[in-house]
Amino acid sequence: MFKLLIILSLGLFASANSLMVQNGEIKAHTEVFADSEINPTTKNVKADLTIENGIESIKGKIYFETLTLISDKKSRDEHMYELLQIEKFKTISFDIKDITKNG
């Protein structure tokens, strides 16, 4: 069984109606059989985002190249890339279609 949890940490910079990633990191946590400490990260985060009237109006895409996701163990990363099918899925992306402000 393969699970993937992604945590986004982004510093965004607004220019006109577009947002750019100023600094960012994506941390993943995966679980594969007996190895529960797989925590690859990437700081090569890119975004194509727009903003109109506040945070609720942000739309667009956050993405990174799959091969930039690395952990502390190269042999483990090779297995992770195999599971992620990097030949077929060279980029991992998140489409932002709707944001709801809570509180």
PDB file of N, CA and C in Angstrom:
ATOM      1  N   MET A   1       0.840  -1.172   0.000  1.00  0.00           N
ATOM      2  CA  MET A   1       0.000   0.000   0.000  1.00  0.00           C
ATOM      3  C   MET A   1       0.888   1.240   0.000  1.00  0.00           C
ATOM      4  N   PHE A   2       0.507   2.240  -0.765  1.00  0.00           N
ATOM      5  CA  PHE A   2       1.279   3.467  -0.894  1.00  0.00           C
ATOM      6  C   PHE A   2       0.372   4.645  -0.609  1.00  0.00           C
ATOM      7  N   LYS A   3       0.713   5.450   0.382  1.00  0.00           N
ATOM      8  CA  LYS A   3      -0.030   6.660   0.715  1.00  0.00           C
ATOM      9  C   LYS A   3       0.908   7.835   0.569  1.00  0.00           C
ATOM     10  N   LEU A   4       0.361   8.978   0.185  1.00  0.00           N
ATOM     11  CA  LEU A   4       1.175  10.174   0.044  1.00  0.00           C
ATOM     12  C   LEU A   4       0.416  11.347   0.645  1.00  0.00           C
ATOM     13  N   LEU A   5       1.052  12.038   1.583  1.00  0.00           N
ATOM     14  CA  LEU A   5       0.489  13.227   2.206  1.00  0.00           C
ATOM     15  C   LEU A   5       1.417  14.378   1.872  1.00  0.00           C
ATOM     16  N   ILE A   6       0.878  15.468   1.348  1.00  0.00           N
ATOM     17  CA  ILE A   6       1.677  16.618   0.934  1.00  0.00           C
ATOM     18  C   ILE A   6       1.337  17.807   1.825  1.00  0.00           C
ATOM     19  N   ILE A   7       2.367  18.502   2.294  1.00  0.00           N
ATOM     20  CA  ILE A   7       2.199  19.720   3.077  1.00  0.00           C
ATOM     21  C   ILE A   7       2.864  20.858   2.321  1.00  0.00           C
ATOM     22  N   LEU A   8       2.093  21.903   2.030  1.00  0.00           N
ATOM     23  CA  LEU A   8       2.609  23.051   1.294  1.00  0.00           C
ATOM     24  C   LEU A   8       2.991  24.161   2.256  1.00  0.00           C
ATOM     25  N   SER A   9       4.113  24.761   2.024  1.00  0.00           N
ATOM     26  CA  SER A   9       4.558  25.929   2.772  1.00  0.00           C
ATOM     27  C   SER A   9       5.081  26.916   1.739  1.00  0.00           C
ATOM     28  N   LEU A  10       4.292  27.962   1.472  1.00  0.00           N
ATOM     29  CA  LEU A  10       4.642  28.869   0.395  1.00  0.00           C
ATOM     30  C   LEU A  10       4.711  30.313   0.877  1.00  0.00           C
ATOM     31  N   GLY A  11       5.680  31.028   0.393  1.00  0.00           N
ATOM     32  CA  GLY A  11       5.738  32.475   0.548  1.00  0.00           C
ATOM     33  C   GLY A  11       5.410  33.065  -0.808  1.00  0.00           C
ATOM     34  N   LEU A  12       4.305  33.775  -0.899  1.00  0.00           N
ATOM     35  CA  LEU A  12       3.854  34.286  -2.185  1.00  0.00           C
ATOM     36  C   LEU A  12       4.107  35.789  -2.276  1.00  0.00           C
ATOM     37  N   PHE A  13       4.348  36.256  -3.487  1.00  0.00           N
ATOM     38  CA  PHE A  13       4.575  37.664  -3.761  1.00  0.00           C
ATOM     39  C   PHE A  13       3.570  38.092  -4.825  1.00  0.00           C
ATOM     40  N   ALA A  14       2.808  39.144  -4.537  1.00  0.00           N
ATOM     41  CA  ALA A  14       1.798  39.618  -5.479  1.00  0.00           C
ATOM     42  C   ALA A  14       2.377  40.695  -6.387  1.00  0.00           C
ATOM     43  N   SER A  15       2.095  40.564  -7.664  1.00  0.00           N
ATOM     44  CA  SER A  15       2.486  41.547  -8.659  1.00  0.00           C
ATOM     45  C   SER A  15       1.299  41.719  -9.599  1.00  0.00           C
ATOM     46  N   ALA A  16       0.663  42.873  -9.567  1.00  0.00           N
ATOM     47  CA  ALA A  16      -0.581  43.111 -10.305  1.00  0.00           C
ATOM     48  C   ALA A  16      -1.610  42.090  -9.837  1.00  0.00           C
ATOM     49  N   ASN A  17      -2.129  41.275 -10.730  1.00  0.00           N
ATOM     50  CA  ASN A  17      -3.117  40.261 -10.348  1.00  0.00           C
ATOM     51  C   ASN A  17      -2.543  38.860 -10.330  1.00  0.00           C
ATOM     52  N   SER A  18      -1.219  38.728 -10.396  1.00  0.00           N
ATOM     53  CA  SER A  18      -0.624  37.397 -10.379  1.00  0.00           C
ATOM     54  C   SER A  18       0.206  37.214  -9.113  1.00  0.00           C
ATOM     55  N   LEU A  19       0.318  35.981  -8.690  1.00  0.00           N
ATOM     56  CA  LEU A  19       1.108  35.621  -7.519  1.00  0.00           C
ATOM     57  C   LEU A  19       2.293  34.797  -7.970  1.00  0.00           C
ATOM     58  N   MET A  20       3.437  35.032  -7.352  1.00  0.00           N
ATOM     59  CA  MET A  20       4.637  34.261  -7.660  1.00  0.00           C
ATOM     60  C   MET A  20       5.132  33.628  -6.363  1.00  0.00           C
ATOM     61  N   VAL A  21       5.716  32.437  -6.464  1.00  0.00           N
ATOM     62  CA  VAL A  21       6.302  31.788  -5.300  1.00  0.00           C
ATOM     63  C   VAL A  21       7.638  32.469  -5.033  1.00  0.00           C
ATOM     64  N   GLN A  22       7.742  33.113  -3.873  1.00  0.00           N
ATOM     65  CA  GLN A  22       8.987  33.764  -3.500  1.00  0.00           C
ATOM     66  C   GLN A  22       9.921  32.750  -2.844  1.00  0.00           C
ATOM     67  N   ASN A  23       9.379  31.948  -1.965  1.00  0.00           N
ATOM     68  CA  ASN A  23      10.089  30.808  -1.399  1.00  0.00           C
ATOM     69  C   ASN A  23       9.024  29.794  -1.018  1.00  0.00           C
ATOM     70  N   GLY A  24       9.353  28.556  -1.113  1.00  0.00           N
ATOM     71  CA  GLY A  24       8.365  27.542  -0.803  1.00  0.00           C
ATOM     72  C   GLY A  24       8.989  26.182  -0.641  1.00  0.00           C
ATOM     73  N   GLU A  25       8.250  25.333   0.015  1.00  0.00           N
ATOM     74  CA  GLU A  25       8.710  23.964   0.231  1.00  0.00           C
ATOM     75  C   GLU A  25       7.498  23.062   0.268  1.00  0.00           C
ATOM     76  N   ILE A  26       7.641  21.919  -0.328  1.00  0.00           N
ATOM     77  CA  ILE A  26       6.607  20.896  -0.258  1.00  0.00           C
ATOM     78  C   ILE A  26       7.229  19.707   0.451  1.00  0.00           C
ATOM     79  N   LYS A  27       6.586  19.299   1.532  1.00  0.00           N
ATOM     80  CA  LYS A  27       7.031  18.128   2.287  1.00  0.00           C
ATOM     81  C   LYS A  27       5.996  17.035   2.096  1.00  0.00           C
ATOM     82  N   ALA A  28       6.477  15.853   1.835  1.00  0.00           N
ATOM     83  CA  ALA A  28       5.584  14.712   1.663  1.00  0.00           C
ATOM     84  C   ALA A  28       5.859  13.698   2.762  1.00  0.00           C
ATOM     85  N   HIS A  29       4.865  12.928   3.087  1.00  0.00           N
ATOM     86  CA  HIS A  29       5.053  11.794   3.998  1.00  0.00           C
ATOM     87  C   HIS A  29       4.410  10.603   3.322  1.00  0.00           C
ATOM     88  N   THR A  30       5.184   9.574   3.102  1.00  0.00           N
ATOM     89  CA  THR A  30       4.655   8.378   2.468  1.00  0.00           C
ATOM     90  C   THR A  30       4.794   7.192   3.411  1.00  0.00           C
ATOM     91  N   GLU A  31       3.946   6.225   3.208  1.00  0.00           N
ATOM     92  CA  GLU A  31       4.019   4.977   3.976  1.00  0.00           C
ATOM     93  C   GLU A  31       3.988   3.811   2.997  1.00  0.00           C
ATOM     94  N   VAL A  32       5.020   3.011   3.038  1.00  0.00           N
ATOM     95  CA  VAL A  32       5.099   1.830   2.188  1.00  0.00           C
ATOM     96  C   VAL A  32       5.476   0.647   3.068  1.00  0.00           C
ATOM     97  N   PHE A  33       4.567  -0.262   3.252  1.00  0.00           N
ATOM     98  CA  PHE A  33       4.777  -1.463   4.041  1.00  0.00           C
ATOM     99  C   PHE A  33       5.404  -1.149   5.396  1.00  0.00           C
ATOM    100  N   ALA A  34       6.582  -1.636   5.705  1.00  0.00           N
ATOM    101  CA  ALA A  34       7.161  -1.494   7.041  1.00  0.00           C
ATOM    102  C   ALA A  34       7.934  -0.189   7.238  1.00  0.00           C
ATOM    103  N   ASP A  35       8.179   0.558   6.182  1.00  0.00           N
ATOM    104  CA  ASP A  35       8.976   1.780   6.281  1.00  0.00           C
ATOM    105  C   ASP A  35       8.047   2.984   6.391  1.00  0.00           C
ATOM    106  N   SER A  36       7.873   3.511   7.602  1.00  0.00           N
ATOM    107  CA  SER A  36       6.931   4.611   7.798  1.00  0.00           C
ATOM    108  C   SER A  36       7.618   5.961   7.951  1.00  0.00           C
ATOM    109  N   GLU A  37       8.898   6.041   7.740  1.00  0.00           N
ATOM    110  CA  GLU A  37       9.629   7.303   7.881  1.00  0.00           C
ATOM    111  C   GLU A  37      10.194   7.794   6.559  1.00  0.00           C
ATOM    112  N   ILE A  38       9.356   7.872   5.565  1.00  0.00           N
ATOM    113  CA  ILE A  38       9.764   8.388   4.267  1.00  0.00           C
ATOM    114  C   ILE A  38       9.202   9.801   4.168  1.00  0.00           C
ATOM    115  N   ASN A  39      10.082  10.803   4.204  1.00  0.00           N
ATOM    116  CA  ASN A  39       9.636  12.188   4.221  1.00  0.00           C
ATOM    117  C   ASN A  39      10.392  13.029   3.192  1.00  0.00           C
ATOM    118  N   PRO A  40      10.126  12.802   1.911  1.00  0.00           N
ATOM    119  CA  PRO A  40      10.827  13.570   0.887  1.00  0.00           C
ATOM    120  C   PRO A  40      10.338  15.017   0.833  1.00  0.00           C
ATOM    121  N   THR A  41      11.203  15.916   0.380  1.00  0.00           N
ATOM    122  CA  THR A  41      10.845  17.327   0.244  1.00  0.00           C
ATOM    123  C   THR A  41      11.386  17.882  -1.078  1.00  0.00           C
ATOM    124  N   THR A  42      10.834  19.014  -1.468  1.00  0.00           N
ATOM    125  CA  THR A  42      11.360  19.785  -2.587  1.00  0.00           C
ATOM    126  C   THR A  42      11.194  21.264  -2.273  1.00  0.00           C
ATOM    127  N   LYS A  43      12.176  22.039  -2.688  1.00  0.00           N
ATOM    128  CA  LYS A  43      12.084  23.497  -2.579  1.00  0.00           C
ATOM    129  C   LYS A  43      11.978  24.122  -3.972  1.00  0.00           C
ATOM    130  N   ASN A  44      11.838  23.277  -4.981  1.00  0.00           N
ATOM    131  CA  ASN A  44      11.718  23.736  -6.370  1.00  0.00           C
ATOM    132  C   ASN A  44      10.251  23.901  -6.744  1.00  0.00           C
ATOM    133  N   VAL A  45       9.543  24.716  -5.981  1.00  0.00           N
ATOM    134  CA  VAL A  45       8.109  24.907  -6.154  1.00  0.00           C
ATOM    135  C   VAL A  45       7.866  26.057  -7.130  1.00  0.00           C
ATOM    136  N   LYS A  46       6.952  25.827  -8.056  1.00  0.00           N
ATOM    137  CA  LYS A  46       6.568  26.850  -9.021  1.00  0.00           C
ATOM    138  C   LYS A  46       5.065  27.047  -8.941  1.00  0.00           C
ATOM    139  N   ALA A  47       4.590  28.182  -9.412  1.00  0.00           N
ATOM    140  CA  ALA A  47       3.150  28.442  -9.366  1.00  0.00           C
ATOM    141  C   ALA A  47       2.734  29.357 -10.498  1.00  0.00           C
ATOM    142  N   ASP A  48       1.541  29.117 -10.992  1.00  0.00           N
ATOM    143  CA  ASP A  48       0.853  30.010 -11.917  1.00  0.00           C
ATOM    144  C   ASP A  48      -0.465  30.353 -11.239  1.00  0.00           C
ATOM    145  N   LEU A  49      -0.453  31.415 -10.448  1.00  0.00           N
ATOM    146  CA  LEU A  49      -1.615  31.783  -9.646  1.00  0.00           C
ATOM    147  C   LEU A  49      -2.058  33.205  -9.951  1.00  0.00           C
ATOM    148  N   THR A  50      -3.365  33.435  -9.830  1.00  0.00           N
ATOM    149  CA  THR A  50      -3.905  34.784  -9.945  1.00  0.00           C
ATOM    150  C   THR A  50      -4.734  35.094  -8.712  1.00  0.00           C
ATOM    151  N   ILE A  51      -4.868  36.376  -8.425  1.00  0.00           N
ATOM    152  CA  ILE A  51      -5.678  36.842  -7.302  1.00  0.00           C
ATOM    153  C   ILE A  51      -6.431  38.083  -7.759  1.00  0.00           C
ATOM    154  N   GLU A  52      -7.700  38.166  -7.394  1.00  0.00           N
ATOM    155  CA  GLU A  52      -8.530  39.305  -7.789  1.00  0.00           C
ATOM    156  C   GLU A  52      -8.840  40.207  -6.590  1.00  0.00           C
ATOM    157  N   ASN A  53      -9.649  39.711  -5.666  1.00  0.00           N
ATOM    158  CA  ASN A  53     -10.170  40.547  -4.578  1.00  0.00           C
ATOM    159  C   ASN A  53      -9.881  40.001  -3.189  1.00  0.00           C
ATOM    160  N   GLY A  54      -8.828  39.288  -2.998  1.00  0.00           N
ATOM    161  CA  GLY A  54      -8.521  38.718  -1.696  1.00  0.00           C
ATOM    162  C   GLY A  54      -8.200  37.247  -1.807  1.00  0.00           C
ATOM    163  N   ILE A  55      -7.861  36.660  -0.667  1.00  0.00           N
ATOM    164  CA  ILE A  55      -7.374  35.275  -0.646  1.00  0.00           C
ATOM    165  C   ILE A  55      -8.371  34.275  -1.230  1.00  0.00           C
ATOM    166  N   GLU A  56      -9.680  34.535  -1.071  1.00  0.00           N
ATOM    167  CA  GLU A  56     -10.682  33.600  -1.589  1.00  0.00           C
ATOM    168  C   GLU A  56     -10.713  33.553  -3.112  1.00  0.00           C
ATOM    169  N   SER A  57     -10.123  34.552  -3.775  1.00  0.00           N
ATOM    170  CA  SER A  57     -10.165  34.604  -5.242  1.00  0.00           C
ATOM    171  C   SER A  57      -8.936  33.981  -5.906  1.00  0.00           C
ATOM    172  N   ILE A  58      -8.012  33.400  -5.119  1.00  0.00           N
ATOM    173  CA  ILE A  58      -6.814  32.780  -5.699  1.00  0.00           C
ATOM    174  C   ILE A  58      -7.213  31.568  -6.536  1.00  0.00           C
ATOM    175  N   LYS A  59      -6.676  31.522  -7.744  1.00  0.00           N
ATOM    176  CA  LYS A  59      -6.914  30.392  -8.655  1.00  0.00           C
ATOM    177  C   LYS A  59      -5.611  30.103  -9.389  1.00  0.00           C
ATOM    178  N   GLY A  60      -5.457  28.882  -9.839  1.00  0.00           N
ATOM    179  CA  GLY A  60      -4.283  28.535 -10.617  1.00  0.00           C
ATOM    180  C   GLY A  60      -3.699  27.191 -10.247  1.00  0.00           C
ATOM    181  N   LYS A  61      -2.367  27.091 -10.418  1.00  0.00           N
ATOM    182  CA  LYS A  61      -1.703  25.801 -10.227  1.00  0.00           C
ATOM    183  C   LYS A  61      -0.393  25.985  -9.462  1.00  0.00           C
ATOM    184  N   ILE A  62      -0.116  25.048  -8.558  1.00  0.00           N
ATOM    185  CA  ILE A  62       1.173  24.933  -7.861  1.00  0.00           C
ATOM    186  C   ILE A  62       1.765  23.612  -8.323  1.00  0.00           C
ATOM    187  N   TYR A  63       3.056  23.616  -8.692  1.00  0.00           N
ATOM    188  CA  TYR A  63       3.625  22.396  -9.261  1.00  0.00           C
ATOM    189  C   TYR A  63       5.130  22.293  -9.011  1.00  0.00           C
ATOM    190  N   PHE A  64       5.667  21.090  -9.214  1.00  0.00           N
ATOM    191  CA  PHE A  64       7.107  20.835  -9.123  1.00  0.00           C
ATOM    192  C   PHE A  64       7.435  19.587  -9.927  1.00  0.00           C
ATOM    193  N   GLU A  65       8.689  19.501 -10.334  1.00  0.00           N
ATOM    194  CA  GLU A  65       9.133  18.316 -11.068  1.00  0.00           C
ATOM    195  C   GLU A  65       9.280  17.157 -10.085  1.00  0.00           C
ATOM    196  N   THR A  66       8.760  16.005 -10.449  1.00  0.00           N
ATOM    197  CA  THR A  66       8.742  14.835  -9.565  1.00  0.00           C
ATOM    198  C   THR A  66      10.144  14.454  -9.090  1.00  0.00           C
ATOM    199  N   LEU A  67      11.142  14.554  -9.953  1.00  0.00           N
ATOM    200  CA  LEU A  67      12.511  14.175  -9.578  1.00  0.00           C
ATOM    201  C   LEU A  67      13.151  15.108  -8.541  1.00  0.00           C
ATOM    202  N   THR A  68      12.544  16.267  -8.277  1.00  0.00           N
ATOM    203  CA  THR A  68      13.099  17.159  -7.252  1.00  0.00           C
ATOM    204  C   THR A  68      12.647  16.754  -5.854  1.00  0.00           C
ATOM    205  N   LEU A  69      11.732  15.812  -5.752  1.00  0.00           N
ATOM    206  CA  LEU A  69      11.263  15.295  -4.468  1.00  0.00           C
ATOM    207  C   LEU A  69      12.279  14.266  -3.977  1.00  0.00           C
ATOM    208  N   ILE A  70      13.027  14.601  -2.924  1.00  0.00           N
ATOM    209  CA  ILE A  70      14.082  13.706  -2.439  1.00  0.00           C
ATOM    210  C   ILE A  70      13.997  13.534  -0.922  1.00  0.00           C
ATOM    211  N   SER A  71      14.460  12.383  -0.468  1.00  0.00           N
ATOM    212  CA  SER A  71      14.519  12.097   0.967  1.00  0.00           C
ATOM    213  C   SER A  71      15.990  11.967   1.370  1.00  0.00           C
ATOM    214  N   ASP A  72      16.216  11.440   2.550  1.00  0.00           N
ATOM    215  CA  ASP A  72      17.585  11.292   3.038  1.00  0.00           C
ATOM    216  C   ASP A  72      18.232   9.970   2.603  1.00  0.00           C
ATOM    217  N   LYS A  73      17.550   9.204   1.760  1.00  0.00           N
ATOM    218  CA  LYS A  73      18.057   7.896   1.374  1.00  0.00           C
ATOM    219  C   LYS A  73      17.839   7.675  -0.128  1.00  0.00           C
ATOM    220  N   LYS A  74      18.908   7.734  -0.901  1.00  0.00           N
ATOM    221  CA  LYS A  74      18.818   7.659  -2.368  1.00  0.00           C
ATOM    222  C   LYS A  74      18.166   6.362  -2.853  1.00  0.00           C
ATOM    223  N   SER A  75      18.495   5.228  -2.233  1.00  0.00           N
ATOM    224  CA  SER A  75      17.917   3.958  -2.681  1.00  0.00           C
ATOM    225  C   SER A  75      16.400   3.946  -2.468  1.00  0.00           C
ATOM    226  N   ARG A  76      15.950   4.569  -1.407  1.00  0.00           N
ATOM    227  CA  ARG A  76      14.517   4.668  -1.128  1.00  0.00           C
ATOM    228  C   ARG A  76      13.846   5.560  -2.184  1.00  0.00           C
ATOM    229  N   ASP A  77      14.533   6.631  -2.565  1.00  0.00           N
ATOM    230  CA  ASP A  77      13.976   7.530  -3.570  1.00  0.00           C
ATOM    231  C   ASP A  77      13.758   6.815  -4.892  1.00  0.00           C
ATOM    232  N   GLU A  78      14.666   5.923  -5.259  1.00  0.00           N
ATOM    233  CA  GLU A  78      14.507   5.167  -6.497  1.00  0.00           C
ATOM    234  C   GLU A  78      13.205   4.368  -6.482  1.00  0.00           C
ATOM    235  N   HIS A  79      12.878   3.755  -5.344  1.00  0.00           N
ATOM    236  CA  HIS A  79      11.622   2.997  -5.218  1.00  0.00           C
ATOM    237  C   HIS A  79      10.426   3.946  -5.266  1.00  0.00           C
ATOM    238  N   MET A  80      10.551   5.104  -4.618  1.00  0.00           N
ATOM    239  CA  MET A  80       9.473   6.082  -4.618  1.00  0.00           C
ATOM    240  C   MET A  80       9.195   6.550  -6.053  1.00  0.00           C
ATOM    241  N   TYR A  81      10.265   6.851  -6.817  1.00  0.00           N
ATOM    242  CA  TYR A  81      10.096   7.296  -8.199  1.00  0.00           C
ATOM    243  C   TYR A  81       9.413   6.222  -9.049  1.00  0.00           C
ATOM    244  N   GLU A  82       9.748   4.966  -8.767  1.00  0.00           N
ATOM    245  CA  GLU A  82       9.116   3.861  -9.488  1.00  0.00           C
ATOM    246  C   GLU A  82       7.616   3.840  -9.187  1.00  0.00           C
ATOM    247  N   LEU A  83       7.246   3.977  -7.920  1.00  0.00           N
ATOM    248  CA  LEU A  83       5.832   3.994  -7.542  1.00  0.00           C
ATOM    249  C   LEU A  83       5.104   5.207  -8.107  1.00  0.00           C
ATOM    250  N   LEU A  84       5.796   6.341  -8.176  1.00  0.00           N
ATOM    251  CA  LEU A  84       5.189   7.560  -8.718  1.00  0.00           C
ATOM    252  C   LEU A  84       5.177   7.588 -10.244  1.00  0.00           C
ATOM    253  N   GLN A  85       5.782   6.574 -10.869  1.00  0.00           N
ATOM    254  CA  GLN A  85       5.826   6.432 -12.326  1.00  0.00           C
ATOM    255  C   GLN A  85       6.357   7.712 -12.983  1.00  0.00           C
ATOM    256  N   ILE A  86       7.602   8.075 -12.619  1.00  0.00           N
ATOM    257  CA  ILE A  86       8.168   9.346 -13.077  1.00  0.00           C
ATOM    258  C   ILE A  86       8.314   9.459 -14.590  1.00  0.00           C
ATOM    259  N   GLU A  87       8.410   8.333 -15.294  1.00  0.00           N
ATOM    260  CA  GLU A  87       8.497   8.408 -16.749  1.00  0.00           C
ATOM    261  C   GLU A  87       7.191   8.962 -17.313  1.00  0.00           C
ATOM    262  N   LYS A  88       6.098   8.611 -16.694  1.00  0.00           N
ATOM    263  CA  LYS A  88       4.771   9.031 -17.150  1.00  0.00           C
ATOM    264  C   LYS A  88       4.344  10.355 -16.506  1.00  0.00           C
ATOM    265  N   PHE A  89       4.692  10.555 -15.234  1.00  0.00           N
ATOM    266  CA  PHE A  89       4.267  11.733 -14.484  1.00  0.00           C
ATOM    267  C   PHE A  89       5.499  12.538 -14.059  1.00  0.00           C
ATOM    268  N   LYS A  90       6.017  13.337 -14.962  1.00  0.00           N
ATOM    269  CA  LYS A  90       7.238  14.105 -14.718  1.00  0.00           C
ATOM    270  C   LYS A  90       7.010  15.291 -13.788  1.00  0.00           C
ATOM    271  N   THR A  91       5.761  15.719 -13.665  1.00  0.00           N
ATOM    272  CA  THR A  91       5.409  16.861 -12.834  1.00  0.00           C
ATOM    273  C   THR A  91       4.253  16.485 -11.914  1.00  0.00           C
ATOM    274  N   ILE A  92       4.308  16.968 -10.688  1.00  0.00           N
ATOM    275  CA  ILE A  92       3.197  16.836  -9.748  1.00  0.00           C
ATOM    276  C   ILE A  92       2.609  18.232  -9.590  1.00  0.00           C
ATOM    277  N   SER A  93       1.286  18.331  -9.728  1.00  0.00           N
ATOM    278  CA  SER A  93       0.662  19.647  -9.644  1.00  0.00           C
ATOM    279  C   SER A  93      -0.619  19.607  -8.829  1.00  0.00           C
ATOM    280  N   PHE A  94      -0.972  20.788  -8.329  1.00  0.00           N
ATOM    281  CA  PHE A  94      -2.190  20.979  -7.550  1.00  0.00           C
ATOM    282  C   PHE A  94      -2.945  22.135  -8.186  1.00  0.00           C
ATOM    283  N   ASP A  95      -4.172  21.877  -8.648  1.00  0.00           N
ATOM    284  CA  ASP A  95      -4.994  22.923  -9.240  1.00  0.00           C
ATOM    285  C   ASP A  95      -5.831  23.570  -8.137  1.00  0.00           C
ATOM    286  N   ILE A  96      -5.686  24.878  -7.995  1.00  0.00           N
ATOM    287  CA  ILE A  96      -6.454  25.635  -7.007  1.00  0.00           C
ATOM    288  C   ILE A  96      -7.671  26.186  -7.736  1.00  0.00           C
ATOM    289  N   LYS A  97      -8.837  25.650  -7.427  1.00  0.00           N
ATOM    290  CA  LYS A  97     -10.063  26.067  -8.097  1.00  0.00           C
ATOM    291  C   LYS A  97     -10.976  26.857  -7.186  1.00  0.00           C
ATOM    292  N   ASP A  98     -10.885  26.594  -5.890  1.00  0.00           N
ATOM    293  CA  ASP A  98     -11.789  27.241  -4.952  1.00  0.00           C
ATOM    294  C   ASP A  98     -11.125  27.304  -3.584  1.00  0.00           C
ATOM    295  N   ILE A  99     -11.167  28.458  -2.951  1.00  0.00           N
ATOM    296  CA  ILE A  99     -10.622  28.623  -1.596  1.00  0.00           C
ATOM    297  C   ILE A  99     -11.751  29.140  -0.712  1.00  0.00           C
ATOM    298  N   THR A 100     -11.922  28.520   0.432  1.00  0.00           N
ATOM    299  CA  THR A 100     -12.914  28.949   1.395  1.00  0.00           C
ATOM    300  C   THR A 100     -12.202  29.444   2.636  1.00  0.00           C
ATOM    301  N   LYS A 101     -12.523  30.662   3.034  1.00  0.00           N
ATOM    302  CA  LYS A 101     -11.902  31.243   4.230  1.00  0.00           C
ATOM    303  C   LYS A 101     -12.697  30.795   5.460  1.00  0.00           C
ATOM    304  N   ASN A 102     -12.005  30.210   6.431  1.00  0.00           N
ATOM    305  CA  ASN A 102     -12.638  29.777   7.680  1.00  0.00           C
ATOM    306  C   ASN A 102     -12.259  30.743   8.788  1.00  0.00           C
ATOM    307  N   GLY A 103     -13.256  31.280   9.466  1.00  0.00           N
ATOM    308  CA  GLY A 103     -12.985  32.159  10.622  1.00  0.00           C
ATOM    309  C   GLY A 103     -12.388  33.425  10.339  1.00  0.00           C
TER     310      GLY A 103
END
